[in-house]
Amino acid sequence: MNDSMVESREQELKQEIIELKAKIDKLRLGRRILMNLLVLQEQQQLVQLQELELMVSSLKEHNAKLRKMLLCKD
């Protein structure tokens, strides 16, 4: 190989390295975004669970009051 071919190949490889580094950066960013979305989803599910638990507790209290009222009428 002559010098110009070596230099040309070297430039191609350098460009390929730059492109691969850019792809890696994009993949890392995508991974961070997905991890953040996963954390957000877990937090939302926890909030929903807490809301449902509160609702169930409230309904149990309400049912207990209704049961008491029915028993008192007899």
C-alpha atoms as a PDB file:
ATOM      1  CA  MET A   1       0.000   0.000   0.000  1.00  0.00           C
ATOM      2  CA  ASN A   2       1.248   3.446  -0.747  1.00  0.00           C
ATOM      3  CA  ASP A   3       1.141   6.314   1.722  1.00  0.00           C
ATOM      4  CA  SER A   4      -1.968   7.940   0.259  1.00  0.00           C
ATOM      5  CA  MET A   5      -3.927   4.682   0.556  1.00  0.00           C
ATOM      6  CA  VAL A   6      -2.769   4.240   4.146  1.00  0.00           C
ATOM      7  CA  GLU A   7      -3.755   7.811   4.987  1.00  0.00           C
ATOM      8  CA  SER A   8      -7.112   7.370   3.288  1.00  0.00           C
ATOM      9  CA  ARG A   9      -7.779   4.151   5.203  1.00  0.00           C
ATOM     10  CA  GLU A  10      -6.669   5.824   8.415  1.00  0.00           C
ATOM     11  CA  GLN A  11      -9.127   8.671   7.821  1.00  0.00           C
ATOM     12  CA  GLU A  12     -11.915   6.172   7.127  1.00  0.00           C
ATOM     13  CA  LEU A  13     -11.158   4.354  10.366  1.00  0.00           C
ATOM     14  CA  LYS A  14     -11.050   7.615  12.328  1.00  0.00           C
ATOM     15  CA  GLN A  15     -14.420   8.601  10.865  1.00  0.00           C
ATOM     16  CA  GLU A  16     -15.830   5.179  11.704  1.00  0.00           C
ATOM     17  CA  ILE A  17     -14.587   5.545  15.284  1.00  0.00           C
ATOM     18  CA  ILE A  18     -16.238   8.967  15.558  1.00  0.00           C
ATOM     19  CA  GLU A  19     -19.524   7.552  14.255  1.00  0.00           C
ATOM     20  CA  LEU A  20     -19.365   4.580  16.630  1.00  0.00           C
ATOM     21  CA  LYS A  21     -18.685   6.884  19.588  1.00  0.00           C
ATOM     22  CA  ALA A  22     -21.716   8.961  18.589  1.00  0.00           C
ATOM     23  CA  LYS A  23     -23.853   5.806  18.442  1.00  0.00           C
ATOM     24  CA  ILE A  24     -22.599   4.756  21.868  1.00  0.00           C
ATOM     25  CA  ASP A  25     -23.482   8.179  23.275  1.00  0.00           C
ATOM     26  CA  LYS A  26     -26.989   7.932  21.810  1.00  0.00           C
ATOM     27  CA  LEU A  27     -27.432   4.449  23.271  1.00  0.00           C
ATOM     28  CA  ARG A  28     -26.289   5.671  26.689  1.00  0.00           C
ATOM     29  CA  LEU A  29     -28.714   8.568  26.506  1.00  0.00           C
ATOM     30  CA  GLY A  30     -31.507   6.214  25.464  1.00  0.00           C
ATOM     31  CA  ARG A  31     -30.675   3.909  28.364  1.00  0.00           C
ATOM     32  CA  ARG A  32     -30.749   6.807  30.843  1.00  0.00           C
ATOM     33  CA  ILE A  33     -34.099   7.944  29.462  1.00  0.00           C
ATOM     34  CA  LEU A  34     -35.525   4.426  29.752  1.00  0.00           C
ATOM     35  CA  MET A  35     -34.230   4.073  33.316  1.00  0.00           C
ATOM     36  CA  ASN A  36     -35.783   7.420  34.253  1.00  0.00           C
ATOM     37  CA  LEU A  37     -39.083   6.357  32.692  1.00  0.00           C
ATOM     38  CA  LEU A  38     -38.947   3.097  34.630  1.00  0.00           C
ATOM     39  CA  VAL A  39     -38.384   4.953  37.903  1.00  0.00           C
ATOM     40  CA  LEU A  40     -41.248   7.317  37.082  1.00  0.00           C
ATOM     41  CA  GLN A  41     -43.537   4.390  36.286  1.00  0.00           C
ATOM     42  CA  GLU A  42     -42.632   2.676  39.562  1.00  0.00           C
ATOM     43  CA  GLN A  43     -43.360   5.882  41.476  1.00  0.00           C
ATOM     44  CA  GLN A  44     -46.732   6.261  39.747  1.00  0.00           C
ATOM     45  CA  GLN A  45     -47.619   2.657  40.549  1.00  0.00           C
ATOM     46  CA  LEU A  46     -46.692   3.216  44.192  1.00  0.00           C
ATOM     47  CA  VAL A  47     -48.902   6.312  44.347  1.00  0.00           C
ATOM     48  CA  GLN A  48     -51.772   4.393  42.724  1.00  0.00           C
ATOM     49  CA  LEU A  49     -51.318   1.554  45.201  1.00  0.00           C
ATOM     50  CA  GLN A  50     -51.405   3.976  48.121  1.00  0.00           C
ATOM     51  CA  GLU A  51     -54.543   5.633  46.734  1.00  0.00           C
ATOM     52  CA  LEU A  52     -56.239   2.256  46.302  1.00  0.00           C
ATOM     53  CA  GLU A  53     -55.254   1.166  49.807  1.00  0.00           C
ATOM     54  CA  LEU A  54     -56.706   4.390  51.188  1.00  0.00           C
ATOM     55  CA  MET A  55     -59.893   3.850  49.197  1.00  0.00           C
ATOM     56  CA  VAL A  56     -60.222   0.263  50.438  1.00  0.00           C
ATOM     57  CA  SER A  57     -59.697   1.418  54.013  1.00  0.00           C
ATOM     58  CA  SER A  58     -62.339   4.107  53.609  1.00  0.00           C
ATOM     59  CA  LEU A  59     -64.793   1.612  52.105  1.00  0.00           C
ATOM     60  CA  LYS A  60     -64.169  -0.825  54.960  1.00  0.00           C
ATOM     61  CA  GLU A  61     -64.933   1.913  57.474  1.00  0.00           C
ATOM     62  CA  HIS A  62     -68.067   2.866  55.578  1.00  0.00           C
ATOM     63  CA  ASN A  63     -69.195  -0.767  55.407  1.00  0.00           C
ATOM     64  CA  ALA A  64     -68.602  -1.169  59.132  1.00  0.00           C
ATOM     65  CA  LYS A  65     -70.780   1.887  59.836  1.00  0.00           C
ATOM     66  CA  LEU A  66     -73.521   0.563  57.569  1.00  0.00           C
ATOM     67  CA  ARG A  67     -73.340  -2.845  59.233  1.00  0.00           C
ATOM     68  CA  LYS A  68     -73.655  -1.172  62.635  1.00  0.00           C
ATOM     69  CA  MET A  69     -76.675   0.804  61.440  1.00  0.00           C
ATOM     70  CA  LEU A  70     -78.343  -2.361  60.156  1.00  0.00           C
ATOM     71  CA  LEU A  71     -77.700  -4.185  63.419  1.00  0.00           C
ATOM     72  CA  CYS A  72     -79.100  -1.301  65.462  1.00  0.00           C
ATOM     73  CA  LYS A  73     -82.361  -1.306  63.478  1.00  0.00           C
ATOM     74  CA  ASP A  74     -83.110  -4.914  64.453  1.00  0.00           C
END
